[in-house]
Structure formats: structure tokens, C-alpha cells
Amino acid sequence: MSVFITFFSQIVPLLQSILLVAALIGGTFVVRNTRKNGIVQIQSDTILAMQQQIDALKEQNAQQQKELDHQEFELTAMREALKEEGIYITIDGERVTIKDAREPGTTRHIVKKPVRKMIPSKENE
């Protein structure tokens, strides 16, 4: 029995050292994996948020294109209606020319810079 006690009393410090080294190595792997998983989660969340923002911008772009198409249709319809009445409108940059074909020599030139209407962003709402 004393042989067992002597053997175990001599091997216990060695086992403690082995366990300590194993715990340090295991802890290092746990910390690395936790850090890696945290970074991957942050990347996934960022990608998801950016994709949602892209989708919102695509929707906003589609709505603006629809509005632009409607305004272009209205402008063309008004020009055609006025042309049928003998009034010709020419737009060249900031200069608008209106010519009344019914009364020769009546041409008006209007120079005015367009006013940009600011579209409120959804962040300010």
C-alpha cells in the first residue's frame, strides 16, 4: 500500500502540470473560437443591414423612376396639347422659349434656374 501512496504522491505534481498545460491550451482555443464566432456574427449582421439598406434604396429608386415617368408623360401631353393650339415650347437648359404661331413675331424667352426640391430622408423622420 505504501508503494501506491509513494507513486501517487510523486505523480500528482506531474498530473497537475499536465492538466494546467491542457487547460491553457484549451482556453486558448476557446478564446480564439469565441473571437472568431463574434467576428463572423458581426460580419453577418453588417451584411444583413447593408442588404436591407440596398433593398430600401432599390425600392426608393423604383418609386422615383415611376414618378419621373409620370411627370415626363404629363410634360409631353401638355406640349402636344399646346402645339395643337399653335403654341410651341422649347426647353434648352435653363432657357425656355415660347412661340405663338397664331401671332407671328410673338416669342418669349424665359431664363430661370430650376429649383431643386429636397427629398426628406427616412432617417430624419
N, C-alpha and C. Protein backbone atom coordinates (compact mmCIF):
# COMPACT_ATOMS: atom_id res chain seq x y z
N MET A 1 0.80 -1.18 0.00
CA MET A 1 0.00 0.00 0.00
C MET A 1 0.86 1.26 0.00
N SER A 2 1.97 1.20 0.69
CA SER A 2 2.84 2.36 0.73
C SER A 2 3.46 2.64 -0.63
N VAL A 3 3.59 1.61 -1.45
CA VAL A 3 4.11 1.79 -2.81
C VAL A 3 3.14 2.64 -3.63
N PHE A 4 1.87 2.38 -3.47
CA PHE A 4 0.86 3.16 -4.19
C PHE A 4 0.85 4.61 -3.72
N ILE A 5 0.96 4.82 -2.45
CA ILE A 5 0.95 6.18 -1.89
C ILE A 5 2.18 6.94 -2.38
N THR A 6 3.32 6.30 -2.38
CA THR A 6 4.55 6.94 -2.85
C THR A 6 4.44 7.26 -4.34
N PHE A 7 3.92 6.31 -5.10
CA PHE A 7 3.78 6.51 -6.56
C PHE A 7 2.84 7.69 -6.86
N PHE A 8 1.70 7.69 -6.20
CA PHE A 8 0.73 8.76 -6.47
C PHE A 8 1.20 10.11 -5.94
N SER A 9 1.90 10.12 -4.84
CA SER A 9 2.41 11.39 -4.31
C SER A 9 3.48 11.98 -5.24
N GLN A 10 4.21 11.11 -5.96
CA GLN A 10 5.23 11.59 -6.89
C GLN A 10 4.60 11.99 -8.24
N ILE A 11 3.53 11.34 -8.63
CA ILE A 11 2.92 11.61 -9.94
C ILE A 11 1.93 12.78 -9.90
N VAL A 12 1.41 13.15 -8.73
CA VAL A 12 0.42 14.23 -8.62
C VAL A 12 0.97 15.55 -9.15
N PRO A 13 2.17 16.03 -8.83
CA PRO A 13 2.65 17.30 -9.42
C PRO A 13 2.76 17.22 -10.94
N LEU A 14 3.15 16.07 -11.45
CA LEU A 14 3.24 15.91 -12.91
C LEU A 14 1.85 15.98 -13.54
N LEU A 15 0.86 15.32 -12.92
CA LEU A 15 -0.51 15.39 -13.42
C LEU A 15 -1.06 16.82 -13.34
N GLN A 16 -0.74 17.52 -12.27
CA GLN A 16 -1.17 18.92 -12.14
C GLN A 16 -0.57 19.78 -13.25
N SER A 17 0.68 19.57 -13.56
CA SER A 17 1.34 20.33 -14.63
C SER A 17 0.69 20.01 -15.98
N ILE A 18 0.42 18.74 -16.22
CA ILE A 18 -0.21 18.33 -17.48
C ILE A 18 -1.60 18.94 -17.59
N LEU A 19 -2.37 18.89 -16.51
CA LEU A 19 -3.70 19.48 -16.51
C LEU A 19 -3.65 20.99 -16.72
N LEU A 20 -2.68 21.64 -16.10
CA LEU A 20 -2.53 23.10 -16.27
C LEU A 20 -2.23 23.45 -17.72
N VAL A 21 -1.30 22.72 -18.34
CA VAL A 21 -0.95 22.96 -19.75
C VAL A 21 -2.16 22.69 -20.64
N ALA A 22 -2.87 21.60 -20.37
CA ALA A 22 -4.06 21.27 -21.17
C ALA A 22 -5.13 22.35 -21.01
N ALA A 23 -5.30 22.85 -19.79
CA ALA A 23 -6.29 23.91 -19.56
C ALA A 23 -5.90 25.19 -20.30
N LEU A 24 -4.61 25.53 -20.29
CA LEU A 24 -4.16 26.73 -21.02
C LEU A 24 -4.37 26.57 -22.53
N ILE A 25 -4.03 25.41 -23.06
CA ILE A 25 -4.21 25.18 -24.50
C ILE A 25 -5.70 25.19 -24.84
N GLY A 26 -6.51 24.52 -24.03
CA GLY A 26 -7.95 24.51 -24.27
C GLY A 26 -8.55 25.91 -24.16
N GLY A 27 -8.11 26.67 -23.17
CA GLY A 27 -8.58 28.05 -23.01
C GLY A 27 -8.23 28.91 -24.21
N THR A 28 -7.03 28.71 -24.74
CA THR A 28 -6.60 29.47 -25.92
C THR A 28 -7.51 29.16 -27.11
N PHE A 29 -7.82 27.88 -27.31
CA PHE A 29 -8.72 27.51 -28.41
C PHE A 29 -10.12 28.07 -28.21
N VAL A 30 -10.60 28.05 -26.97
CA VAL A 30 -11.94 28.59 -26.68
C VAL A 30 -11.98 30.08 -26.97
N VAL A 31 -10.96 30.81 -26.53
CA VAL A 31 -10.91 32.26 -26.77
C VAL A 31 -10.85 32.55 -28.26
N ARG A 32 -10.02 31.82 -28.99
CA ARG A 32 -9.92 32.02 -30.44
C ARG A 32 -11.25 31.77 -31.14
N ASN A 33 -11.89 30.65 -30.80
CA ASN A 33 -13.17 30.32 -31.44
C ASN A 33 -14.24 31.34 -31.09
N THR A 34 -14.25 31.77 -29.83
CA THR A 34 -15.23 32.76 -29.41
C THR A 34 -15.02 34.07 -30.17
N ARG A 35 -13.77 34.48 -30.29
CA ARG A 35 -13.45 35.71 -31.03
C ARG A 35 -13.84 35.56 -32.49
N LYS A 36 -13.49 34.41 -33.08
CA LYS A 36 -13.80 34.17 -34.48
C LYS A 36 -15.31 34.17 -34.71
N ASN A 37 -16.04 33.49 -33.83
CA ASN A 37 -17.50 33.46 -33.96
C ASN A 37 -18.10 34.85 -33.79
N GLY A 38 -17.53 35.63 -32.88
CA GLY A 38 -18.00 37.01 -32.69
C GLY A 38 -17.80 37.85 -33.93
N ILE A 39 -16.63 37.71 -34.54
CA ILE A 39 -16.34 38.47 -35.76
C ILE A 39 -17.26 38.04 -36.89
N VAL A 40 -17.46 36.73 -37.02
CA VAL A 40 -18.35 36.22 -38.07
C VAL A 40 -19.77 36.73 -37.85
N GLN A 41 -20.22 36.77 -36.60
CA GLN A 41 -21.57 37.26 -36.30
C GLN A 41 -21.69 38.75 -36.64
N ILE A 42 -20.68 39.53 -36.30
CA ILE A 42 -20.69 40.96 -36.62
C ILE A 42 -20.72 41.15 -38.14
N GLN A 43 -19.92 40.37 -38.86
CA GLN A 43 -19.92 40.46 -40.32
C GLN A 43 -21.28 40.10 -40.89
N SER A 44 -21.89 39.05 -40.37
CA SER A 44 -23.21 38.63 -40.86
C SER A 44 -24.26 39.71 -40.60
N ASP A 45 -24.22 40.29 -39.40
CA ASP A 45 -25.17 41.36 -39.07
C ASP A 45 -24.96 42.58 -39.97
N THR A 46 -23.71 42.91 -40.24
CA THR A 46 -23.40 44.06 -41.10
C THR A 46 -23.88 43.81 -42.53
N ILE A 47 -23.63 42.61 -43.03
CA ILE A 47 -24.07 42.27 -44.39
C ILE A 47 -25.59 42.32 -44.48
N LEU A 48 -26.28 41.81 -43.47
CA LEU A 48 -27.74 41.82 -43.46
C LEU A 48 -28.26 43.26 -43.45
N ALA A 49 -27.67 44.11 -42.61
CA ALA A 49 -28.10 45.50 -42.55
C ALA A 49 -27.86 46.22 -43.87
N MET A 50 -26.72 45.97 -44.49
CA MET A 50 -26.41 46.61 -45.77
C MET A 50 -27.35 46.12 -46.86
N GLN A 51 -27.70 44.83 -46.84
CA GLN A 51 -28.62 44.30 -47.84
C GLN A 51 -30.00 44.92 -47.68
N GLN A 52 -30.43 45.12 -46.44
CA GLN A 52 -31.72 45.78 -46.19
C GLN A 52 -31.69 47.22 -46.70
N GLN A 53 -30.56 47.89 -46.49
CA GLN A 53 -30.43 49.27 -46.97
C GLN A 53 -30.44 49.30 -48.50
N ILE A 54 -29.77 48.35 -49.14
CA ILE A 54 -29.76 48.28 -50.61
C ILE A 54 -31.17 48.04 -51.13
N ASP A 55 -31.90 47.13 -50.47
CA ASP A 55 -33.28 46.85 -50.89
C ASP A 55 -34.16 48.09 -50.75
N ALA A 56 -33.98 48.84 -49.66
CA ALA A 56 -34.75 50.07 -49.46
C ALA A 56 -34.41 51.10 -50.53
N LEU A 57 -33.13 51.22 -50.87
CA LEU A 57 -32.72 52.16 -51.92
C LEU A 57 -33.26 51.75 -53.29
N LYS A 58 -33.29 50.45 -53.56
CA LYS A 58 -33.85 49.97 -54.83
C LYS A 58 -35.34 50.32 -54.91
N GLU A 59 -36.05 50.13 -53.81
CA GLU A 59 -37.48 50.46 -53.78
C GLU A 59 -37.69 51.96 -53.98
N GLN A 60 -36.87 52.76 -53.30
CA GLN A 60 -36.97 54.21 -53.45
C GLN A 60 -36.66 54.63 -54.89
N ASN A 61 -35.66 54.01 -55.49
CA ASN A 61 -35.30 54.30 -56.87
C ASN A 61 -36.44 53.95 -57.82
N ALA A 62 -37.09 52.81 -57.58
CA ALA A 62 -38.21 52.40 -58.43
C ALA A 62 -39.38 53.39 -58.31
N GLN A 63 -39.65 53.86 -57.08
CA GLN A 63 -40.73 54.84 -56.90
C GLN A 63 -40.40 56.16 -57.58
N GLN A 64 -39.14 56.60 -57.47
CA GLN A 64 -38.75 57.85 -58.11
C GLN A 64 -38.79 57.71 -59.63
N GLN A 65 -38.40 56.56 -60.16
CA GLN A 65 -38.46 56.35 -61.61
C GLN A 65 -39.90 56.37 -62.09
N LYS A 66 -40.80 55.80 -61.31
CA LYS A 66 -42.22 55.79 -61.66
C LYS A 66 -42.75 57.24 -61.68
N GLU A 67 -42.39 58.02 -60.68
CA GLU A 67 -42.81 59.43 -60.62
C GLU A 67 -42.22 60.21 -61.80
N LEU A 68 -40.95 59.97 -62.11
CA LEU A 68 -40.30 60.64 -63.22
C LEU A 68 -40.98 60.30 -64.54
N ASP A 69 -41.33 59.04 -64.74
CA ASP A 69 -42.03 58.63 -65.96
C ASP A 69 -43.39 59.33 -66.07
N HIS A 70 -44.09 59.44 -64.94
CA HIS A 70 -45.40 60.10 -64.94
C HIS A 70 -45.26 61.58 -65.28
N GLN A 71 -44.25 62.25 -64.68
CA GLN A 71 -44.05 63.67 -64.97
C GLN A 71 -43.64 63.88 -66.43
N GLU A 72 -42.83 62.99 -66.97
CA GLU A 72 -42.44 63.09 -68.37
C GLU A 72 -43.66 62.92 -69.28
N PHE A 73 -44.54 61.99 -68.93
CA PHE A 73 -45.78 61.80 -69.69
C PHE A 73 -46.63 63.07 -69.67
N GLU A 74 -46.79 63.66 -68.47
CA GLU A 74 -47.59 64.88 -68.35
C GLU A 74 -46.98 66.02 -69.17
N LEU A 75 -45.65 66.19 -69.10
CA LEU A 75 -44.99 67.25 -69.85
C LEU A 75 -45.18 67.06 -71.35
N THR A 76 -45.04 65.84 -71.82
CA THR A 76 -45.23 65.56 -73.25
C THR A 76 -46.67 65.83 -73.66
N ALA A 77 -47.62 65.42 -72.83
CA ALA A 77 -49.03 65.65 -73.14
C ALA A 77 -49.34 67.14 -73.21
N MET A 78 -48.80 67.92 -72.27
CA MET A 78 -49.04 69.38 -72.29
C MET A 78 -48.42 70.03 -73.52
N ARG A 79 -47.19 69.60 -73.86
CA ARG A 79 -46.55 70.17 -75.05
C ARG A 79 -47.35 69.87 -76.31
N GLU A 80 -47.82 68.63 -76.42
CA GLU A 80 -48.61 68.25 -77.60
C GLU A 80 -49.93 69.02 -77.65
N ALA A 81 -50.56 69.20 -76.51
CA ALA A 81 -51.83 69.95 -76.48
C ALA A 81 -51.60 71.40 -76.86
N LEU A 82 -50.53 72.00 -76.36
CA LEU A 82 -50.24 73.39 -76.72
C LEU A 82 -49.83 73.50 -78.19
N LYS A 83 -49.11 72.51 -78.70
CA LYS A 83 -48.70 72.53 -80.10
C LYS A 83 -49.93 72.51 -81.01
N GLU A 84 -50.94 71.75 -80.61
CA GLU A 84 -52.17 71.71 -81.40
C GLU A 84 -52.87 73.08 -81.40
N GLU A 85 -52.65 73.86 -80.36
CA GLU A 85 -53.22 75.21 -80.27
C GLU A 85 -52.32 76.25 -80.92
N GLY A 86 -51.15 75.82 -81.44
CA GLY A 86 -50.25 76.75 -82.13
C GLY A 86 -49.21 77.37 -81.21
N ILE A 87 -49.03 76.83 -80.04
CA ILE A 87 -48.03 77.34 -79.10
C ILE A 87 -46.92 76.29 -78.99
N TYR A 88 -45.70 76.73 -79.33
CA TYR A 88 -44.56 75.82 -79.32
C TYR A 88 -43.64 76.17 -78.15
N ILE A 89 -43.26 75.16 -77.40
CA ILE A 89 -42.38 75.37 -76.24
C ILE A 89 -41.09 74.59 -76.49
N THR A 90 -39.96 75.31 -76.33
CA THR A 90 -38.65 74.69 -76.47
C THR A 90 -37.89 74.93 -75.17
N ILE A 91 -37.33 73.86 -74.62
CA ILE A 91 -36.55 73.98 -73.39
C ILE A 91 -35.11 73.61 -73.73
N ASP A 92 -34.20 74.57 -73.46
CA ASP A 92 -32.78 74.37 -73.73
C ASP A 92 -32.01 74.73 -72.46
N GLY A 93 -31.76 73.75 -71.63
CA GLY A 93 -31.04 74.00 -70.38
C GLY A 93 -31.88 74.86 -69.45
N GLU A 94 -31.40 76.07 -69.16
CA GLU A 94 -32.10 76.99 -68.27
C GLU A 94 -32.99 77.97 -69.04
N ARG A 95 -33.04 77.83 -70.35
CA ARG A 95 -33.78 78.77 -71.19
C ARG A 95 -35.02 78.10 -71.77
N VAL A 96 -36.16 78.74 -71.59
CA VAL A 96 -37.43 78.25 -72.14
C VAL A 96 -37.91 79.26 -73.18
N THR A 97 -38.24 78.78 -74.38
CA THR A 97 -38.73 79.64 -75.45
C THR A 97 -40.18 79.24 -75.75
N ILE A 98 -41.06 80.26 -75.74
CA ILE A 98 -42.47 80.02 -76.06
C ILE A 98 -42.79 80.83 -77.31
N LYS A 99 -43.29 80.15 -78.34
CA LYS A 99 -43.60 80.83 -79.60
C LYS A 99 -45.06 80.56 -79.94
N ASP A 100 -45.79 81.66 -80.19
CA ASP A 100 -47.21 81.54 -80.56
C ASP A 100 -47.29 81.65 -82.07
N ALA A 101 -47.63 80.55 -82.73
CA ALA A 101 -47.70 80.51 -84.19
C ALA A 101 -48.91 81.28 -84.71
N ARG A 102 -49.91 81.49 -83.87
CA ARG A 102 -51.11 82.20 -84.30
C ARG A 102 -50.83 83.69 -84.49
N GLU A 103 -49.87 84.20 -83.70
CA GLU A 103 -49.50 85.62 -83.82
C GLU A 103 -48.02 85.69 -84.15
N PRO A 104 -47.68 85.96 -85.41
CA PRO A 104 -46.26 86.00 -85.80
C PRO A 104 -45.51 87.05 -85.00
N GLY A 105 -44.28 86.74 -84.70
CA GLY A 105 -43.42 87.69 -84.01
C GLY A 105 -43.60 87.69 -82.50
N THR A 106 -44.37 86.79 -81.96
CA THR A 106 -44.53 86.73 -80.50
C THR A 106 -43.75 85.53 -79.97
N THR A 107 -42.57 85.83 -79.54
CA THR A 107 -41.72 84.80 -78.95
C THR A 107 -41.25 85.31 -77.59
N ARG A 108 -41.38 84.48 -76.58
CA ARG A 108 -40.91 84.84 -75.24
C ARG A 108 -39.78 83.92 -74.84
N HIS A 109 -38.79 84.52 -74.23
CA HIS A 109 -37.66 83.75 -73.70
C HIS A 109 -37.66 83.90 -72.19
N ILE A 110 -37.65 82.80 -71.49
CA ILE A 110 -37.63 82.82 -70.04
C ILE A 110 -36.38 82.09 -69.58
N VAL A 111 -35.58 82.79 -68.80
CA VAL A 111 -34.37 82.18 -68.27
C VAL A 111 -34.50 82.13 -66.75
N LYS A 112 -34.56 80.94 -66.23
CA LYS A 112 -34.71 80.77 -64.79
C LYS A 112 -34.07 79.45 -64.40
N LYS A 113 -33.27 79.51 -63.37
CA LYS A 113 -32.65 78.28 -62.90
C LYS A 113 -33.72 77.43 -62.21
N PRO A 114 -33.69 76.11 -62.47
CA PRO A 114 -34.67 75.24 -61.83
C PRO A 114 -34.43 75.16 -60.32
N VAL A 115 -35.51 75.07 -59.58
CA VAL A 115 -35.43 74.95 -58.13
C VAL A 115 -35.48 73.47 -57.78
N ARG A 116 -34.47 73.03 -57.04
CA ARG A 116 -34.44 71.62 -56.64
C ARG A 116 -35.21 71.46 -55.35
N LYS A 117 -36.11 70.53 -55.36
CA LYS A 117 -36.88 70.23 -54.16
C LYS A 117 -36.17 69.11 -53.42
N MET A 118 -35.83 69.36 -52.16
CA MET A 118 -35.13 68.37 -51.35
C MET A 118 -36.11 67.28 -50.92
N ILE A 119 -35.68 66.06 -51.06
CA ILE A 119 -36.48 64.92 -50.64
C ILE A 119 -36.03 64.54 -49.24
N PRO A 120 -36.96 64.56 -48.28
CA PRO A 120 -36.54 64.23 -46.91
C PRO A 120 -36.12 62.77 -46.82
N SER A 121 -35.02 62.54 -46.09
CA SER A 121 -34.57 61.15 -45.93
C SER A 121 -35.37 60.50 -44.82
N LYS A 122 -35.42 59.18 -44.86
CA LYS A 122 -36.20 58.43 -43.88
C LYS A 122 -35.56 58.46 -42.51
N GLU A 123 -34.25 58.79 -42.45
CA GLU A 123 -33.57 58.84 -41.17
C GLU A 123 -34.06 60.01 -40.32
N ASN A 124 -34.49 61.09 -40.97
CA ASN A 124 -34.93 62.29 -40.25
C ASN A 124 -36.36 62.18 -39.75
N GLU A 125 -37.08 61.18 -40.19
CA GLU A 125 -38.49 61.05 -39.80
C GLU A 125 -38.61 60.45 -38.42
